[in-house]
């Protein structure tokens, strides 16, 4: 099956590189605080490429992880948002 998003691998990478590490449950909680309800299973599916991601979801995920949207999309190597 073809990947259904381009951000999944970078979502996982940003979570694992964070200090302290952000779990999928932690990310789900951060997203909910920002008004986006995604369960841990949905985050797992995003990370493995099985779930599509809307533009709005990608923006909120980037903010919750503290990374730039361009990094999340693989267009930049600058990871941290300002």
C-alpha atoms as a PDB file:
ATOM      1  CA  UNK A   1       0.000   0.000   0.000  1.00  0.00           C
ATOM      2  CA  UNK A   2       1.265   3.451  -0.877  1.00  0.00           C
ATOM      3  CA  UNK A   3       1.912   5.929   1.931  1.00  0.00           C
ATOM      4  CA  UNK A   4      -1.035   8.236   2.480  1.00  0.00           C
ATOM      5  CA  UNK A   5       0.953  11.148   3.962  1.00  0.00           C
ATOM      6  CA  UNK A   6       4.424  12.671   3.818  1.00  0.00           C
ATOM      7  CA  UNK A   7       4.723  13.773   7.455  1.00  0.00           C
ATOM      8  CA  UNK A   8       4.428  10.481   9.331  1.00  0.00           C
ATOM      9  CA  UNK A   9       8.110   9.667   9.565  1.00  0.00           C
ATOM     10  CA  UNK A  10       8.950  13.194  10.725  1.00  0.00           C
ATOM     11  CA  UNK A  11       6.167  13.185  13.348  1.00  0.00           C
ATOM     12  CA  UNK A  12       7.754  10.083  14.878  1.00  0.00           C
ATOM     13  CA  UNK A  13      11.253  11.563  14.583  1.00  0.00           C
ATOM     14  CA  UNK A  14      10.217  14.827  16.281  1.00  0.00           C
ATOM     15  CA  UNK A  15       8.533  12.931  19.117  1.00  0.00           C
ATOM     16  CA  UNK A  16      11.565  10.729  19.714  1.00  0.00           C
ATOM     17  CA  UNK A  17      14.099  13.600  19.540  1.00  0.00           C
ATOM     18  CA  UNK A  18      12.172  15.802  21.980  1.00  0.00           C
ATOM     19  CA  UNK A  19      13.628  16.281  25.445  1.00  0.00           C
ATOM     20  CA  UNK A  20      11.902  14.772  27.310  1.00  0.00           C
ATOM     21  CA  UNK A  21      10.641  12.307  24.706  1.00  0.00           C
ATOM     22  CA  UNK A  22       7.007  12.828  23.658  1.00  0.00           C
ATOM     23  CA  UNK A  23       4.884   9.680  23.566  1.00  0.00           C
ATOM     24  CA  UNK A  24       1.962   9.238  21.197  1.00  0.00           C
ATOM     25  CA  UNK A  25      -0.356   9.689  24.210  1.00  0.00           C
ATOM     26  CA  UNK A  26       1.468  12.924  25.132  1.00  0.00           C
ATOM     27  CA  UNK A  27       1.089  14.193  21.567  1.00  0.00           C
ATOM     28  CA  UNK A  28      -2.624  13.337  21.562  1.00  0.00           C
ATOM     29  CA  UNK A  29      -3.036  15.396  24.757  1.00  0.00           C
ATOM     30  CA  UNK A  30      -1.098  18.349  23.295  1.00  0.00           C
ATOM     31  CA  UNK A  31      -3.261  18.254  20.175  1.00  0.00           C
ATOM     32  CA  UNK A  32      -6.460  18.146  22.212  1.00  0.00           C
ATOM     33  CA  UNK A  33      -5.368  21.251  24.143  1.00  0.00           C
ATOM     34  CA  UNK A  34      -4.932  22.975  20.761  1.00  0.00           C
ATOM     35  CA  UNK A  35      -8.446  21.931  19.687  1.00  0.00           C
ATOM     36  CA  UNK A  36      -7.543  18.914  17.543  1.00  0.00           C
ATOM     37  CA  UNK A  37      -8.850  15.572  18.735  1.00  0.00           C
ATOM     38  CA  UNK A  38      -6.686  12.686  17.528  1.00  0.00           C
ATOM     39  CA  UNK A  39      -6.425   9.457  19.497  1.00  0.00           C
ATOM     40  CA  UNK A  40      -3.132   7.612  19.965  1.00  0.00           C
ATOM     41  CA  UNK A  41      -4.198   5.054  17.332  1.00  0.00           C
ATOM     42  CA  UNK A  42      -4.702   7.830  14.765  1.00  0.00           C
ATOM     43  CA  UNK A  43      -1.222   9.190  15.538  1.00  0.00           C
ATOM     44  CA  UNK A  44       0.211   5.704  15.091  1.00  0.00           C
ATOM     45  CA  UNK A  45      -1.528   5.406  11.702  1.00  0.00           C
ATOM     46  CA  UNK A  46      -0.167   8.817  10.679  1.00  0.00           C
ATOM     47  CA  UNK A  47       3.362   7.772  11.648  1.00  0.00           C
ATOM     48  CA  UNK A  48       3.127   4.545   9.643  1.00  0.00           C
ATOM     49  CA  UNK A  49       1.613   6.329   6.645  1.00  0.00           C
ATOM     50  CA  UNK A  50      -1.784   4.603   6.772  1.00  0.00           C
ATOM     51  CA  UNK A  51      -3.820   7.736   7.591  1.00  0.00           C
ATOM     52  CA  UNK A  52      -4.145  10.858   5.509  1.00  0.00           C
ATOM     53  CA  UNK A  53      -3.484  14.200   7.201  1.00  0.00           C
ATOM     54  CA  UNK A  54      -5.328  17.416   6.430  1.00  0.00           C
ATOM     55  CA  UNK A  55      -3.501  20.702   6.123  1.00  0.00           C
ATOM     56  CA  UNK A  56      -5.105  21.931   9.351  1.00  0.00           C
ATOM     57  CA  UNK A  57      -4.003  18.776  11.196  1.00  0.00           C
ATOM     58  CA  UNK A  58      -0.440  19.142   9.885  1.00  0.00           C
ATOM     59  CA  UNK A  59      -0.240  22.743  11.103  1.00  0.00           C
ATOM     60  CA  UNK A  60      -1.499  21.865  14.588  1.00  0.00           C
ATOM     61  CA  UNK A  61       0.783  18.813  14.806  1.00  0.00           C
ATOM     62  CA  UNK A  62       3.804  20.966  13.895  1.00  0.00           C
ATOM     63  CA  UNK A  63       2.889  23.500  16.581  1.00  0.00           C
ATOM     64  CA  UNK A  64       2.334  20.777  19.184  1.00  0.00           C
ATOM     65  CA  UNK A  65       5.749  19.291  18.415  1.00  0.00           C
ATOM     66  CA  UNK A  66       7.501  22.676  18.266  1.00  0.00           C
ATOM     67  CA  UNK A  67       8.742  22.149  14.712  1.00  0.00           C
ATOM     68  CA  UNK A  68       8.312  24.133  11.527  1.00  0.00           C
ATOM     69  CA  UNK A  69       5.665  23.033   9.046  1.00  0.00           C
ATOM     70  CA  UNK A  70       8.302  23.061   6.296  1.00  0.00           C
ATOM     71  CA  UNK A  71      10.451  20.626   8.306  1.00  0.00           C
ATOM     72  CA  UNK A  72       7.448  18.408   8.972  1.00  0.00           C
ATOM     73  CA  UNK A  73       6.728  18.326   5.232  1.00  0.00           C
ATOM     74  CA  UNK A  74      10.354  17.455   4.463  1.00  0.00           C
ATOM     75  CA  UNK A  75      11.034  20.748   2.698  1.00  0.00           C
ATOM     76  CA  UNK A  76      13.528  22.111   5.226  1.00  0.00           C
ATOM     77  CA  UNK A  77      16.167  20.900   7.632  1.00  0.00           C
ATOM     78  CA  UNK A  78      15.361  23.681  10.116  1.00  0.00           C
ATOM     79  CA  UNK A  79      13.459  21.734  12.749  1.00  0.00           C
ATOM     80  CA  UNK A  80      12.598  24.196  15.511  1.00  0.00           C
ATOM     81  CA  UNK A  81       9.818  26.715  15.220  1.00  0.00           C
ATOM     82  CA  UNK A  82      10.499  30.250  16.363  1.00  0.00           C
END
